[in-house]
Protein backbone atom coordinates (compact mmCIF):
# COMPACT_ATOMS: atom_id res chain seq x y z
CA MET A 1 0.00 0.00 0.00
CA ASN A 2 2.89 2.33 0.82
CA ALA A 3 4.45 1.49 -2.54
CA TRP A 4 1.33 2.61 -4.37
CA ILE A 5 1.23 5.84 -2.41
CA VAL A 6 4.86 6.54 -3.26
CA LEU A 7 4.20 5.75 -6.91
CA LEU A 8 1.22 8.09 -7.02
CA MET A 9 3.23 10.79 -5.27
CA ASN A 10 5.98 10.49 -7.87
CA VAL A 11 3.42 10.74 -10.67
CA ALA A 12 1.76 13.78 -9.06
CA VAL A 13 5.03 15.53 -8.37
CA GLY A 14 6.41 14.79 -11.85
CA SER A 15 3.19 15.92 -13.51
CA ALA A 16 3.14 19.14 -11.49
CA ILE A 17 6.77 19.85 -12.27
CA GLY A 18 6.28 19.22 -16.01
CA GLY A 19 3.11 21.25 -16.31
CA VAL A 20 4.29 24.16 -14.16
CA THR A 21 7.66 24.22 -15.96
CA ASN A 22 6.03 24.42 -19.39
CA GLU A 23 3.56 27.05 -18.23
CA LEU A 24 6.42 29.05 -16.71
CA ALA A 25 8.43 28.74 -19.93
CA ILE A 26 5.48 30.03 -21.92
CA ARG A 27 4.99 32.93 -19.54
CA MET A 28 8.68 33.77 -19.66
CA LEU A 29 8.36 34.34 -23.40
CA PHE A 30 6.57 37.61 -22.59
CA ARG A 31 6.98 38.30 -18.89
CA PRO A 32 8.18 40.21 -17.18
CA HIS A 33 7.80 43.07 -19.63
CA LYS A 34 10.62 45.03 -17.97
CA PRO A 35 13.82 43.88 -16.27
CA TRP A 36 13.78 43.24 -12.53
CA LYS A 37 16.68 44.73 -10.64
CA ILE A 38 17.96 44.29 -7.12
CA GLY A 39 20.12 47.32 -6.57
CA GLY A 40 22.31 47.46 -9.64
CA TRP A 41 22.01 43.75 -10.36
CA ARG A 42 19.53 42.56 -12.98
CA VAL A 43 17.65 39.43 -12.15
CA PRO A 44 18.44 36.71 -14.75
CA PHE A 45 15.84 35.93 -17.41
CA THR A 46 14.25 39.37 -17.00
CA PRO A 47 12.68 40.79 -19.00
CA GLY A 48 11.06 37.97 -20.98
CA LEU A 49 12.51 36.57 -24.18
CA ILE A 50 10.36 38.56 -26.61
CA PRO A 51 10.66 41.92 -24.76
CA ARG A 52 14.42 41.44 -24.45
CA ARG A 53 14.86 40.57 -28.14
CA ARG A 54 12.18 42.90 -29.51
CA ASP A 55 14.71 45.05 -31.42
CA GLU A 56 16.23 41.99 -33.06
CA ILE A 57 12.78 40.58 -33.78
CA ALA A 58 11.80 43.92 -35.38
CA VAL A 59 14.88 43.90 -37.63
CA HIS A 60 14.34 40.28 -38.70
CA MET A 61 10.63 40.84 -39.25
CA GLY A 62 11.36 43.88 -41.43
CA ARG A 63 13.84 41.82 -43.46
CA LEU A 64 11.31 38.98 -43.71
CA VAL A 65 8.58 41.29 -45.02
CA GLU A 66 10.88 43.02 -47.49
CA GLU A 67 12.63 39.95 -48.85
CA TYR A 68 9.86 37.34 -48.79
CA LEU A 69 6.45 38.97 -48.40
CA LEU A 70 6.31 42.36 -50.16
CA THR A 71 8.56 41.47 -53.11
CA THR A 72 8.53 43.09 -56.54
CA GLU A 73 7.42 39.90 -58.26
CA GLY A 74 4.72 39.27 -55.67
CA ILE A 75 3.25 42.74 -56.04
CA LYS A 76 3.30 42.46 -59.85
CA ARG A 77 1.49 39.12 -59.66
CA ALA A 78 -1.01 40.60 -57.22
CA LEU A 79 -1.67 43.54 -59.56
CA ALA A 80 -2.14 41.18 -62.51
CA ARG A 81 -4.60 38.98 -60.59
CA SER A 82 -6.44 41.69 -58.72
CA GLY A 83 -8.21 43.19 -61.73
CA MET A 84 -6.86 46.62 -60.82
CA GLU A 85 -7.17 47.82 -64.40
CA ASN A 86 -10.89 46.97 -64.51
CA THR A 87 -11.40 48.57 -61.11
CA LEU A 88 -9.71 51.78 -62.24
CA ASN A 89 -11.67 51.70 -65.50
CA THR A 90 -14.96 51.40 -63.62
CA TRP A 91 -14.03 54.11 -61.12
CA LEU A 92 -12.87 56.57 -63.79
CA THR A 93 -15.98 55.89 -65.86
CA GLY A 94 -18.12 56.66 -62.83
CA VAL A 95 -16.25 59.93 -62.28
CA ALA A 96 -16.72 60.85 -65.95
CA ASP A 97 -20.45 60.04 -65.76
CA ARG A 98 -20.89 62.22 -62.68
CA TRP A 99 -19.11 65.10 -64.38
CA CYS A 100 -21.17 64.69 -67.56
CA ALA A 101 -24.36 64.81 -65.48
CA ASP A 102 -23.19 67.78 -63.41
CA GLY A 103 -25.53 70.74 -63.82
CA ARG A 104 -23.15 73.29 -62.33
CA THR A 105 -21.54 75.81 -64.63
CA LEU A 106 -17.81 75.80 -65.10
CA ARG A 107 -17.68 79.11 -63.25
CA GLU A 108 -19.40 77.58 -60.21
CA PHE A 109 -17.08 74.59 -60.31
CA LEU A 110 -13.95 76.77 -60.49
CA HIS A 111 -15.28 79.12 -57.84
CA ALA A 112 -15.69 76.18 -55.46
CA ALA A 113 -12.41 74.48 -56.40
CA ALA A 114 -10.15 77.53 -56.83
CA PRO A 115 -11.79 80.89 -56.01
CA GLY A 116 -8.65 82.86 -56.84
CA LEU A 117 -8.88 82.02 -60.55
CA LEU A 118 -11.82 84.34 -61.25
CA ALA A 119 -12.07 88.12 -60.92
CA GLU A 120 -15.02 90.07 -59.55
CA ASP A 121 -16.05 91.23 -63.03
CA GLY A 122 -16.56 87.62 -64.12
CA GLY A 123 -13.35 87.26 -66.08
CA VAL A 124 -10.05 85.67 -65.25
CA SER A 125 -8.16 87.28 -62.39
CA GLU A 126 -5.07 89.33 -63.20
CA SER A 127 -2.91 87.01 -61.12
CA VAL A 128 -3.82 84.24 -63.55
CA ARG A 129 -4.12 86.27 -66.75
CA ARG A 130 -0.67 87.88 -66.52
CA PRO A 131 1.27 84.59 -66.24
CA LEU A 132 -0.87 83.12 -69.02
CA HIS A 133 -0.15 86.11 -71.25
CA LEU A 134 3.57 85.85 -70.55
CA ARG A 135 3.46 82.14 -71.33
CA TRP A 136 1.57 82.89 -74.55
CA GLN A 137 4.17 85.45 -75.63
CA ALA A 138 6.96 83.05 -74.78
CA PHE A 139 5.19 80.34 -76.79
CA VAL A 140 4.82 82.63 -79.83
CA ASP A 141 8.45 83.76 -79.62
CA GLU A 142 9.66 80.18 -79.31
CA LEU A 143 7.47 79.14 -82.22
CA ILE A 144 8.84 81.94 -84.41
CA HIS A 145 12.42 81.19 -83.38
CA HIS A 146 11.94 77.53 -84.20
CA TYR A 147 10.52 78.11 -87.69
CA GLU A 148 12.06 81.45 -88.71
CA GLN A 149 14.73 79.91 -90.98
CA LYS A 150 12.33 77.54 -92.69
CA ARG A 151 10.75 78.35 -96.01
CA LEU A 152 7.02 78.49 -96.32
CA ARG A 153 7.17 75.63 -98.81
CA GLU A 154 8.75 73.39 -96.15
CA LEU A 155 5.94 74.06 -93.69
CA ILE A 156 3.13 73.13 -96.08
CA PRO A 157 2.42 69.39 -96.50
CA ALA A 158 2.05 67.78 -99.91
CA GLU A 159 -1.73 67.87 -99.63
CA GLY A 160 -1.56 71.59 -98.94
CA MET A 161 0.63 72.23 -101.98
CA ALA A 162 -1.83 70.32 -104.15
CA ARG A 163 -4.67 72.43 -102.78
CA ILE A 164 -2.71 75.62 -103.52
CA ASP A 165 -2.18 74.55 -107.13
CA THR A 166 -5.87 73.78 -107.47
CA ALA A 167 -6.82 77.08 -105.84
CA LEU A 168 -4.55 79.08 -108.18
CA GLY A 169 -6.22 77.50 -111.21
CA ASP A 170 -9.64 78.23 -109.76
CA VAL A 171 -8.67 81.81 -108.94
CA SER A 172 -7.38 82.55 -112.46
CA ARG A 173 -10.52 81.08 -114.03
CA LEU A 174 -12.77 82.88 -111.56
CA LEU A 175 -11.05 86.23 -112.20
CA LEU A 176 -11.59 85.97 -115.95
CA GLU A 177 -15.20 84.87 -115.52
CA ARG A 178 -15.96 87.69 -113.13
CA PHE A 179 -14.24 90.20 -115.44
CA ARG A 180 -16.30 88.99 -118.41
CA ALA A 181 -19.49 89.19 -116.38
CA TYR A 182 -18.58 92.72 -115.31
CA LEU A 183 -18.00 93.82 -118.91
CA HIS A 184 -21.48 92.58 -119.86
CA SER A 185 -23.10 94.37 -116.95
CA PRO A 186 -24.39 97.97 -117.26
CA ASP A 187 -21.69 99.19 -114.87
CA GLY A 188 -18.99 97.49 -116.92
CA GLN A 189 -20.25 98.94 -120.18
CA GLN A 190 -20.47 102.38 -118.62
CA THR A 191 -16.91 102.04 -117.34
CA VAL A 192 -15.67 101.09 -120.83
CA GLN A 193 -17.48 104.06 -122.34
CA GLN A 194 -15.97 106.41 -119.76
CA MET A 195 -12.51 105.07 -120.51
CA LEU A 196 -13.07 105.50 -124.24
CA ARG A 197 -14.44 109.01 -123.73
CA GLY A 198 -11.37 109.94 -121.77
CA LEU A 199 -9.09 108.36 -124.33
CA LEU A 200 -10.74 110.06 -127.31
CA GLY A 201 -11.17 113.36 -125.54
CA GLY A 202 -7.46 113.56 -124.85
CA GLY A 203 -6.34 111.95 -128.09
CA GLY A 204 -5.57 115.11 -130.07
CA MET A 205 -6.54 115.46 -133.70
CA PHE A 206 -6.99 111.72 -134.23
CA GLY A 207 -9.27 111.42 -131.29
CA GLY A 208 -11.32 114.36 -132.45
CA LEU A 209 -11.71 112.93 -135.93
CA VAL A 210 -12.75 109.52 -134.60
CA GLY A 211 -15.22 111.19 -132.27
CA MET A 212 -16.82 113.02 -135.18
CA PHE A 213 -17.80 109.76 -136.94
CA LEU A 214 -18.21 107.25 -134.08
CA THR A 215 -19.98 107.69 -130.75
CA ASP A 216 -18.87 106.14 -127.48
CA GLU A 217 -21.68 103.59 -127.63
CA LYS A 218 -20.71 102.42 -131.12
CA ILE A 219 -17.03 102.12 -130.20
CA ALA A 220 -17.92 100.23 -127.00
CA GLY A 221 -20.23 97.95 -128.99
CA LYS A 222 -17.38 97.10 -131.34
CA LEU A 223 -14.80 96.72 -128.56
CA LEU A 224 -16.76 94.60 -126.05
CA PRO A 225 -17.11 91.47 -128.26
CA TYR A 226 -13.37 91.60 -128.88
CA LEU A 227 -12.60 91.91 -125.18
CA ASP A 228 -15.04 89.09 -124.42
CA ASP A 229 -13.34 86.77 -126.94
CA LEU A 230 -9.94 87.73 -125.51
CA LEU A 231 -10.99 86.97 -121.92
CA ALA A 232 -12.49 83.64 -122.98
CA HIS A 233 -9.36 82.53 -124.84
CA PRO A 234 -7.59 79.57 -123.10
CA GLU A 235 -4.15 81.06 -123.69
CA LEU A 236 -4.98 84.11 -121.53
CA ALA A 237 -6.20 81.80 -118.77
CA ASP A 238 -2.94 79.81 -118.97
CA ARG A 239 -0.84 82.96 -118.86
CA LEU A 240 -2.75 84.29 -115.86
CA ASN A 241 -2.40 80.92 -114.13
CA ARG A 242 1.36 80.84 -114.79
CA PHE A 243 1.69 84.38 -113.49
CA LEU A 244 -0.14 83.55 -110.29
CA ARG A 245 1.98 80.42 -109.82
CA GLN A 246 5.18 82.40 -110.27
CA GLU A 247 4.09 84.93 -107.68
CA ALA A 248 3.03 82.15 -105.33
CA ASP A 249 6.41 80.40 -105.79
CA LYS A 250 8.21 83.61 -104.88
CA TRP A 251 6.32 83.76 -101.60
CA LEU A 252 6.66 80.05 -100.92
CA ASP A 253 10.44 80.33 -101.30
CA LYS A 254 10.63 83.05 -98.66
CA THR A 255 11.59 82.16 -95.10
CA VAL A 256 9.30 82.78 -92.17
CA ARG A 257 11.65 85.51 -90.94
CA GLU A 258 11.45 87.31 -94.30
CA VAL A 259 7.66 87.18 -94.25
CA LEU A 260 7.54 88.43 -90.65
CA ASP A 261 9.95 91.26 -91.45
CA TRP A 262 7.74 92.23 -94.38
CA ILE A 263 4.66 92.20 -92.15
CA GLY A 264 6.42 94.09 -89.35
CA ALA A 265 7.09 93.24 -85.69
CA GLU A 266 4.38 95.59 -84.45
CA GLN A 267 1.75 93.95 -86.64
CA VAL A 268 2.84 90.46 -85.55
CA GLU A 269 2.64 91.50 -81.91
CA ALA A 270 -0.78 93.04 -82.50
CA TRP A 271 -2.02 89.83 -84.12
CA SER A 272 -0.61 87.80 -81.23
CA SER A 273 -2.33 89.99 -78.64
CA ALA A 274 -5.58 89.94 -80.62
CA LEU A 275 -5.48 86.13 -80.82
CA PHE A 276 -4.81 85.87 -77.07
CA ALA A 277 -7.71 88.23 -76.39
CA LYS A 278 -9.95 86.14 -78.64
CA LEU A 279 -8.96 82.95 -76.84
CA GLU A 280 -9.54 84.66 -73.51
CA GLU A 281 -12.98 85.82 -74.65
CA GLN A 282 -13.92 82.33 -75.77
CA GLY A 283 -12.65 80.92 -72.47
CA VAL A 284 -14.76 83.36 -70.45
CA ARG A 285 -17.83 82.39 -72.48
CA LEU A 286 -17.25 78.75 -71.60
CA LEU A 287 -17.32 79.61 -67.90
CA ASP A 288 -21.09 80.17 -67.99
CA LYS A 289 -21.89 76.85 -69.66
CA PRO A 290 -22.84 73.78 -67.59
CA LEU A 291 -20.01 71.36 -66.96
CA GLY A 292 -22.11 68.48 -68.23
CA HIS A 293 -22.90 70.38 -71.44
CA LEU A 294 -19.18 70.86 -72.11
CA LEU A 295 -18.24 67.26 -71.37
CA SER A 296 -21.19 65.40 -72.88
CA PRO A 297 -19.86 65.53 -76.48
CA LEU A 298 -16.66 63.93 -75.22
CA ARG A 299 -18.43 61.23 -73.16
CA GLU A 300 -18.10 58.38 -75.69
CA THR A 301 -14.52 59.26 -76.60
CA VAL A 302 -13.46 59.53 -72.98
CA ALA A 303 -15.22 56.33 -71.90
CA GLY A 304 -14.21 54.30 -74.94
CA GLN A 305 -10.65 55.47 -75.53
CA VAL A 306 -9.20 57.83 -72.93
CA ILE A 307 -10.23 55.99 -69.75
CA PRO A 308 -9.08 52.49 -70.84
CA ARG A 309 -5.73 53.90 -71.93
CA LEU A 310 -5.41 55.91 -68.74
CA ALA A 311 -6.24 52.89 -66.55
CA ARG A 312 -3.78 50.70 -68.44
CA TRP A 313 -1.10 53.38 -68.21
CA MET A 314 -1.60 53.73 -64.46
CA VAL A 315 -1.28 49.96 -63.88
CA GLU A 316 1.77 49.69 -66.16
CA THR A 317 3.36 52.66 -64.44
CA VAL A 318 2.91 51.03 -61.05
CA GLU A 319 4.25 47.70 -62.34
CA HIS A 320 7.32 49.29 -63.90
CA ASN A 321 8.08 51.35 -60.80
CA VAL A 322 7.29 48.79 -58.06
CA GLU A 323 10.95 48.19 -57.27
CA ARG A 324 11.73 51.91 -57.12
CA LEU A 325 8.59 52.52 -55.05
CA LEU A 326 9.51 49.82 -52.54
CA HIS A 327 13.04 51.19 -52.36
CA LYS A 328 11.72 54.69 -51.68
CA LEU A 329 9.28 53.43 -49.07
CA SER A 330 11.96 51.31 -47.35
CA ILE A 331 9.57 48.60 -46.19
CA ARG A 332 12.18 47.08 -43.88
CA ASP A 333 12.60 50.32 -41.93
CA ILE A 334 8.85 50.89 -41.75
CA VAL A 335 8.16 47.41 -40.37
CA THR A 336 11.13 47.68 -37.98
CA ARG A 337 9.94 50.98 -36.55
CA GLN A 338 6.37 49.74 -36.23
CA VAL A 339 7.39 46.58 -34.38
CA GLU A 340 9.78 48.50 -32.13
CA GLY A 341 7.04 50.93 -31.16
CA PHE A 342 4.34 48.30 -30.80
CA PRO A 343 3.31 47.77 -27.12
CA ILE A 344 4.60 44.46 -25.79
CA GLU A 345 1.24 43.87 -24.14
CA ARG A 346 -0.47 43.98 -27.54
CA ILE A 347 2.12 41.61 -28.98
CA GLU A 348 1.49 39.17 -26.11
CA GLU A 349 -2.27 39.51 -26.51
CA MET A 350 -2.04 38.93 -30.25
CA ILE A 351 0.23 35.87 -30.03
CA VAL A 352 -1.73 34.34 -27.18
CA GLY A 353 -4.98 35.00 -29.03
CA ILE A 354 -3.62 33.18 -32.08
CA SER A 355 -1.74 30.35 -30.33
CA GLY A 356 -3.60 30.11 -26.99
CA ARG A 357 -4.90 26.61 -27.73
CA GLU A 358 -1.42 25.38 -28.67
CA PHE A 359 0.04 26.92 -25.50
CA ARG A 360 -2.57 25.11 -23.42
CA MET A 361 -1.76 21.87 -25.18
CA ILE A 362 1.94 22.42 -24.37
CA THR A 363 1.03 22.89 -20.67
CA ILE A 364 -1.14 19.77 -20.70
CA LEU A 365 1.62 17.88 -22.47
CA GLY A 366 3.98 18.99 -19.69
CA PHE A 367 1.63 17.56 -17.09
CA ILE A 368 1.39 14.29 -19.00
CA LEU A 369 5.13 13.93 -19.65
CA GLY A 370 5.91 14.90 -16.03
CA GLY A 371 3.45 12.29 -14.79
CA VAL A 372 4.96 9.64 -17.09
CA ILE A 373 8.46 10.51 -15.87
CA GLY A 374 7.25 10.34 -12.22
CA LEU A 375 5.63 6.95 -12.94
CA VAL A 376 8.84 5.62 -14.47
CA GLN A 377 10.88 6.91 -11.53
CA GLY A 378 8.44 5.34 -9.05
CA LEU A 379 8.56 2.00 -10.83
CA LEU A 380 12.36 2.05 -10.97
CA ALA A 381 12.52 2.96 -7.26
CA ALA A 382 10.12 0.12 -6.40
CA LEU A 383 12.13 -2.40 -8.45
CA TRP A 384 15.45 -1.36 -7.02
CA GLY A 385 14.03 -1.11 -3.51
């Protein structure tokens, strides 16, 4: 009977030692949170393992996240599988639809978004207009400087040159037709008679003799059919066409600088200012139109072409710059700082919440193994006793 009591005592003691030891080991992972000191001497095994090695854990966790979790290839695969492009496409389409259905005027929209853009008189504020005007002048000057040594012929495409040739032929034919029509009109006949009257009146003796036998009407009646046949002759049309082409070639061979010098710097500047004022006037008119009215004509183009390209460009930009983005963000440092500043109590609560069942099983296993060891010791003591 005493042997059984001793055996049970060994089992109980061994089980208690195993279970309490495992439970203590688990507790010592986190506790104590701060070192215990007796005078200047720190009590061994304080603080707990995780609080004592938190800095090292933070560094290794940051390296783990950077090298194995948030990798460039992993993020690219995630972007490819996440349907980000479709999500962006849907979101941008929704934004475009809301803008197209917006009943506010552009003036109201700008007044809410950027009040400083508009002046009290309804136009653009001087703080905005002056920089725009300077930029416009700089643009015009740069444009002139870029093209001033080029000939006009070089600036006109082949289709434009063909249109000029066609227009010159049409102009020469139109001039002759209009001149013939004018000669047959009452004003044209009167003009011819006045010219003949002036010619005969100042023609000396010969003019006086001709005027005695022929009146202005008779002379004009004889002269007009001749002029009409002359104007209708193809050779005159060809000569006029060749003349116009020669004059056009002279201008087309001039450089932009030569043309501008012929026009004059003051006139060019006046045209530039007038064009800027016209653009400004048109821009101010647009301010009073509803935003949806301005954007509705572009709805199909934006939704069908611009938005898909924009969404694809955004995804490709992110994919191509993932490595640079991760390098700029320095994921390792971010994770390290976050873990270092994370309260140890929250870390303990989180780990225990995740692995509480396993910790309890370890404690129970300690009780069982301790009891088994106590049983074996009791049996050995009984056999040897």
